[in-house]
Amino acid sequence: MALSTQEMLLALRAPNAHWLAALVSALDEALKDPEFGPEHRAMLQQLLTAGIVPGSVARASELRFARFEDSFANLVPGDDVAGAETAPGPATAPARPKLTLVGSKHFAA
């Protein structure tokens, strides 16, 4: 079932569309990254088709994502991130935005 852009925009306005919005944002960023290749897309399609992420894959993904987030800490000059944001001078932005997802372990079944 192919949805139009208007139908997707309408779906994103729903009060319970928070996960959809987070996943679409993450996918948009991934698709802009030249290192997110066809093999990654195939794996993602396989997970969507299966409708489940194996526990070991979910845990490995959480660990890898934590290292990905940590890599952005090296892009901010100095040790004090808050001080760097308030200091006058030219504004610098990291090459990729930091995205934090909450794991399923934080939700009761």
N, C-alpha and C. Protein backbone atom coordinates (compact mmCIF):
# COMPACT_ATOMS: atom_id res chain seq x y z
N MET A 1 0.84 -1.18 0.00
CA MET A 1 0.00 0.00 0.00
C MET A 1 0.89 1.24 0.00
N ALA A 2 0.84 1.99 -1.06
CA ALA A 2 1.62 3.21 -1.17
C ALA A 2 0.79 4.39 -0.67
N LEU A 3 1.40 5.15 0.24
CA LEU A 3 0.73 6.34 0.78
C LEU A 3 1.27 7.59 0.11
N SER A 4 0.41 8.55 -0.08
CA SER A 4 0.85 9.84 -0.63
C SER A 4 1.55 10.64 0.47
N THR A 5 2.27 11.64 0.05
CA THR A 5 2.93 12.53 1.01
C THR A 5 1.90 13.17 1.94
N GLN A 6 0.76 13.55 1.41
CA GLN A 6 -0.27 14.17 2.23
C GLN A 6 -0.79 13.19 3.29
N GLU A 7 -0.96 11.93 2.92
CA GLU A 7 -1.41 10.93 3.89
C GLU A 7 -0.38 10.71 4.99
N MET A 8 0.90 10.74 4.61
CA MET A 8 1.97 10.59 5.61
C MET A 8 1.99 11.80 6.55
N LEU A 9 1.84 12.99 5.99
CA LEU A 9 1.81 14.19 6.82
C LEU A 9 0.64 14.16 7.80
N LEU A 10 -0.49 13.70 7.33
CA LEU A 10 -1.66 13.58 8.20
C LEU A 10 -1.40 12.55 9.30
N ALA A 11 -0.79 11.43 8.97
CA ALA A 11 -0.48 10.41 9.96
C ALA A 11 0.47 10.95 11.04
N LEU A 12 1.40 11.81 10.65
CA LEU A 12 2.35 12.38 11.61
C LEU A 12 1.70 13.38 12.57
N ARG A 13 0.51 13.85 12.24
CA ARG A 13 -0.19 14.78 13.12
C ARG A 13 -0.96 14.07 14.23
N ALA A 14 -1.10 12.76 14.13
CA ALA A 14 -1.84 12.01 15.13
C ALA A 14 -1.13 12.08 16.48
N PRO A 15 -1.90 12.10 17.58
CA PRO A 15 -1.29 12.21 18.91
C PRO A 15 -0.36 11.04 19.25
N ASN A 16 -0.59 9.89 18.65
CA ASN A 16 0.22 8.72 18.98
C ASN A 16 1.30 8.44 17.93
N ALA A 17 1.68 9.44 17.15
CA ALA A 17 2.64 9.26 16.06
C ALA A 17 4.08 9.54 16.48
N HIS A 18 4.37 9.57 17.77
CA HIS A 18 5.72 9.90 18.23
C HIS A 18 6.76 8.91 17.72
N TRP A 19 6.49 7.62 17.76
CA TRP A 19 7.46 6.64 17.25
C TRP A 19 7.61 6.75 15.75
N LEU A 20 6.52 6.97 15.05
CA LEU A 20 6.59 7.15 13.60
C LEU A 20 7.48 8.34 13.27
N ALA A 21 7.28 9.43 13.98
CA ALA A 21 8.08 10.63 13.74
C ALA A 21 9.57 10.38 14.02
N ALA A 22 9.87 9.69 15.12
CA ALA A 22 11.26 9.40 15.47
C ALA A 22 11.91 8.51 14.41
N LEU A 23 11.19 7.49 13.96
CA LEU A 23 11.75 6.58 12.96
C LEU A 23 11.91 7.25 11.60
N VAL A 24 10.95 8.07 11.21
CA VAL A 24 11.06 8.78 9.94
C VAL A 24 12.24 9.75 9.99
N SER A 25 12.42 10.43 11.10
CA SER A 25 13.56 11.35 11.25
C SER A 25 14.88 10.60 11.16
N ALA A 26 14.97 9.47 11.86
CA ALA A 26 16.19 8.67 11.82
C ALA A 26 16.44 8.14 10.41
N LEU A 27 15.39 7.67 9.74
CA LEU A 27 15.53 7.16 8.39
C LEU A 27 15.96 8.27 7.42
N ASP A 28 15.40 9.45 7.57
CA ASP A 28 15.79 10.58 6.73
C ASP A 28 17.28 10.86 6.87
N GLU A 29 17.77 10.88 8.09
CA GLU A 29 19.20 11.11 8.33
C GLU A 29 20.04 10.00 7.73
N ALA A 30 19.60 8.75 7.92
CA ALA A 30 20.36 7.62 7.40
C ALA A 30 20.42 7.66 5.87
N LEU A 31 19.32 7.98 5.23
CA LEU A 31 19.29 8.01 3.77
C LEU A 31 20.15 9.13 3.19
N LYS A 32 20.44 10.15 3.98
CA LYS A 32 21.32 11.24 3.55
C LYS A 32 22.80 10.86 3.71
N ASP A 33 23.07 9.82 4.49
CA ASP A 33 24.43 9.40 4.77
C ASP A 33 24.90 8.44 3.69
N PRO A 34 25.96 8.78 2.96
CA PRO A 34 26.42 7.89 1.89
C PRO A 34 26.91 6.53 2.40
N GLU A 35 27.23 6.42 3.69
CA GLU A 35 27.68 5.15 4.24
C GLU A 35 26.52 4.20 4.56
N PHE A 36 25.29 4.69 4.50
CA PHE A 36 24.11 3.84 4.70
C PHE A 36 23.73 3.28 3.34
N GLY A 37 24.32 2.13 3.04
CA GLY A 37 24.22 1.57 1.69
C GLY A 37 23.09 0.58 1.50
N PRO A 38 23.08 -0.05 0.33
CA PRO A 38 22.03 -1.01 -0.01
C PRO A 38 21.95 -2.19 0.96
N GLU A 39 23.08 -2.62 1.49
CA GLU A 39 23.05 -3.74 2.44
C GLU A 39 22.34 -3.34 3.74
N HIS A 40 22.51 -2.09 4.16
CA HIS A 40 21.82 -1.60 5.35
C HIS A 40 20.31 -1.50 5.09
N ARG A 41 19.96 -1.01 3.91
CA ARG A 41 18.55 -0.91 3.54
C ARG A 41 17.90 -2.29 3.50
N ALA A 42 18.65 -3.28 2.98
CA ALA A 42 18.12 -4.65 2.92
C ALA A 42 17.89 -5.22 4.32
N MET A 43 18.83 -4.94 5.24
CA MET A 43 18.65 -5.41 6.62
C MET A 43 17.44 -4.75 7.27
N LEU A 44 17.28 -3.47 7.04
CA LEU A 44 16.13 -2.74 7.59
C LEU A 44 14.83 -3.30 7.03
N GLN A 45 14.80 -3.55 5.73
CA GLN A 45 13.60 -4.12 5.11
C GLN A 45 13.29 -5.50 5.70
N GLN A 46 14.33 -6.30 5.94
CA GLN A 46 14.13 -7.63 6.54
C GLN A 46 13.52 -7.52 7.92
N LEU A 47 13.99 -6.57 8.73
CA LEU A 47 13.43 -6.38 10.08
C LEU A 47 11.98 -5.92 10.01
N LEU A 48 11.68 -5.02 9.09
CA LEU A 48 10.31 -4.54 8.95
C LEU A 48 9.38 -5.66 8.49
N THR A 49 9.86 -6.47 7.56
CA THR A 49 9.05 -7.58 7.07
C THR A 49 8.81 -8.61 8.16
N ALA A 50 9.83 -8.89 8.96
CA ALA A 50 9.70 -9.87 10.04
C ALA A 50 8.79 -9.34 11.15
N GLY A 51 8.77 -8.03 11.33
CA GLY A 51 7.93 -7.44 12.36
C GLY A 51 8.48 -7.59 13.77
N ILE A 52 9.74 -7.99 13.89
CA ILE A 52 10.36 -8.15 15.20
C ILE A 52 11.87 -8.00 15.06
N VAL A 53 12.46 -7.44 16.10
CA VAL A 53 13.91 -7.34 16.16
C VAL A 53 14.39 -8.36 17.18
N PRO A 54 15.21 -9.32 16.77
CA PRO A 54 15.72 -10.30 17.74
C PRO A 54 16.42 -9.60 18.90
N GLY A 55 16.25 -10.14 20.09
CA GLY A 55 16.80 -9.52 21.30
C GLY A 55 18.29 -9.24 21.21
N SER A 56 19.05 -10.19 20.71
CA SER A 56 20.50 -9.99 20.60
C SER A 56 20.83 -8.86 19.63
N VAL A 57 20.06 -8.73 18.57
CA VAL A 57 20.26 -7.64 17.61
C VAL A 57 19.90 -6.30 18.26
N ALA A 58 18.82 -6.27 19.02
CA ALA A 58 18.42 -5.04 19.70
C ALA A 58 19.49 -4.59 20.69
N ARG A 59 20.03 -5.54 21.47
CA ARG A 59 21.08 -5.18 22.44
C ARG A 59 22.34 -4.69 21.74
N ALA A 60 22.76 -5.38 20.70
CA ALA A 60 23.95 -4.96 19.95
C ALA A 60 23.72 -3.59 19.32
N SER A 61 22.52 -3.35 18.84
CA SER A 61 22.19 -2.06 18.24
C SER A 61 22.26 -0.95 19.28
N GLU A 62 21.74 -1.19 20.47
CA GLU A 62 21.80 -0.18 21.54
C GLU A 62 23.24 0.18 21.87
N LEU A 63 24.10 -0.84 21.97
CA LEU A 63 25.51 -0.58 22.28
C LEU A 63 26.19 0.20 21.15
N ARG A 64 25.91 -0.19 19.92
CA ARG A 64 26.53 0.49 18.79
C ARG A 64 26.02 1.92 18.68
N PHE A 65 24.74 2.13 18.94
CA PHE A 65 24.19 3.48 18.89
C PHE A 65 24.79 4.36 19.98
N ALA A 66 25.05 3.80 21.15
CA ALA A 66 25.68 4.57 22.22
C ALA A 66 27.07 5.03 21.79
N ARG A 67 27.83 4.17 21.12
CA ARG A 67 29.15 4.58 20.62
C ARG A 67 29.01 5.65 19.54
N PHE A 68 27.97 5.54 18.71
CA PHE A 68 27.71 6.54 17.68
C PHE A 68 27.44 7.90 18.32
N GLU A 69 26.60 7.92 19.36
CA GLU A 69 26.31 9.17 20.07
C GLU A 69 27.57 9.74 20.71
N ASP A 70 28.38 8.86 21.32
CA ASP A 70 29.60 9.31 21.97
C ASP A 70 30.57 9.96 20.98
N SER A 71 30.53 9.52 19.73
CA SER A 71 31.44 10.09 18.74
C SER A 71 31.17 11.57 18.51
N PHE A 72 29.96 12.04 18.79
CA PHE A 72 29.65 13.45 18.62
C PHE A 72 30.26 14.30 19.72
N ALA A 73 30.56 13.72 20.86
CA ALA A 73 31.17 14.47 21.94
C ALA A 73 32.54 15.01 21.50
N ASN A 74 33.20 14.31 20.61
CA ASN A 74 34.51 14.74 20.13
C ASN A 74 34.42 15.91 19.17
N LEU A 75 33.25 16.22 18.67
CA LEU A 75 33.09 17.32 17.72
C LEU A 75 32.97 18.67 18.41
N VAL A 76 32.65 18.69 19.71
CA VAL A 76 32.47 19.93 20.45
C VAL A 76 33.80 20.32 21.07
N PRO A 77 34.32 21.52 20.76
CA PRO A 77 35.60 21.94 21.33
C PRO A 77 35.48 22.17 22.84
N GLY A 78 36.49 21.77 23.59
CA GLY A 78 36.51 21.99 25.03
C GLY A 78 35.75 20.93 25.78
N ASP A 79 35.90 20.95 27.11
CA ASP A 79 35.24 19.96 27.95
C ASP A 79 33.85 20.37 28.37
N ASP A 80 33.56 21.65 28.42
CA ASP A 80 32.28 22.14 28.92
C ASP A 80 31.36 22.46 27.75
N VAL A 81 30.44 21.57 27.45
CA VAL A 81 29.54 21.75 26.32
C VAL A 81 28.64 22.96 26.54
N ALA A 82 28.10 23.14 27.76
CA ALA A 82 27.21 24.26 28.04
C ALA A 82 27.96 25.58 27.87
N GLY A 83 29.21 25.62 28.32
CA GLY A 83 30.01 26.83 28.17
C GLY A 83 30.29 27.15 26.72
N ALA A 84 30.48 26.10 25.93
CA ALA A 84 30.75 26.31 24.50
C ALA A 84 29.53 26.87 23.80
N GLU A 85 28.34 26.51 24.26
CA GLU A 85 27.13 27.01 23.62
C GLU A 85 26.86 28.47 23.96
N THR A 86 27.28 28.91 25.13
CA THR A 86 26.99 30.28 25.55
C THR A 86 28.13 31.24 25.22
N ALA A 87 29.30 30.71 24.85
CA ALA A 87 30.44 31.57 24.56
C ALA A 87 30.21 32.31 23.25
N PRO A 88 30.59 33.59 23.19
CA PRO A 88 30.45 34.33 21.94
C PRO A 88 31.42 33.80 20.90
N GLY A 89 31.09 33.99 19.65
CA GLY A 89 31.94 33.52 18.57
C GLY A 89 31.10 32.88 17.50
N PRO A 90 31.77 32.42 16.46
CA PRO A 90 31.02 31.81 15.36
C PRO A 90 30.37 30.51 15.82
N ALA A 91 29.14 30.32 15.38
CA ALA A 91 28.40 29.11 15.74
C ALA A 91 28.88 27.97 14.87
N THR A 92 29.17 26.84 15.52
CA THR A 92 29.58 25.65 14.78
C THR A 92 28.57 24.55 15.07
N ALA A 93 28.23 23.82 14.06
CA ALA A 93 27.27 22.72 14.22
C ALA A 93 27.97 21.42 13.87
N PRO A 94 27.63 20.34 14.58
CA PRO A 94 28.22 19.06 14.22
C PRO A 94 27.76 18.64 12.83
N ALA A 95 28.54 17.80 12.20
CA ALA A 95 28.22 17.35 10.85
C ALA A 95 26.89 16.61 10.82
N ARG A 96 26.57 15.86 11.87
CA ARG A 96 25.32 15.10 11.94
C ARG A 96 24.67 15.42 13.29
N PRO A 97 23.36 15.55 13.35
CA PRO A 97 22.70 15.83 14.63
C PRO A 97 22.73 14.62 15.55
N LYS A 98 22.67 14.87 16.85
CA LYS A 98 22.62 13.80 17.84
C LYS A 98 21.18 13.35 17.98
N LEU A 99 20.95 12.06 17.86
CA LEU A 99 19.62 11.49 17.97
C LEU A 99 19.63 10.49 19.11
N THR A 100 18.73 10.66 20.04
CA THR A 100 18.64 9.74 21.17
C THR A 100 17.32 9.02 21.11
N LEU A 101 17.37 7.70 21.05
CA LEU A 101 16.19 6.87 21.06
C LEU A 101 16.10 6.14 22.38
N VAL A 102 14.92 5.92 22.87
CA VAL A 102 14.71 5.21 24.12
C VAL A 102 14.48 3.75 23.78
N GLY A 103 15.22 2.87 24.46
CA GLY A 103 15.06 1.44 24.21
C GLY A 103 13.76 0.90 24.76
N SER A 104 13.35 -0.25 24.26
CA SER A 104 12.09 -0.85 24.69
C SER A 104 12.11 -1.29 26.15
N LYS A 105 13.30 -1.41 26.74
CA LYS A 105 13.38 -1.83 28.14
C LYS A 105 12.77 -0.80 29.09
N HIS A 106 12.53 0.41 28.59
CA HIS A 106 11.96 1.46 29.42
C HIS A 106 10.43 1.45 29.43
N PHE A 107 9.85 0.55 28.68
CA PHE A 107 8.39 0.48 28.59
C PHE A 107 7.88 -0.84 29.12
N ALA A 108 6.81 -0.78 29.86
CA ALA A 108 6.20 -2.02 30.37
C ALA A 108 5.41 -2.68 29.25
N ALA A 109 5.43 -3.98 29.23
CA ALA A 109 4.73 -4.70 28.17
C ALA A 109 3.26 -4.83 28.51
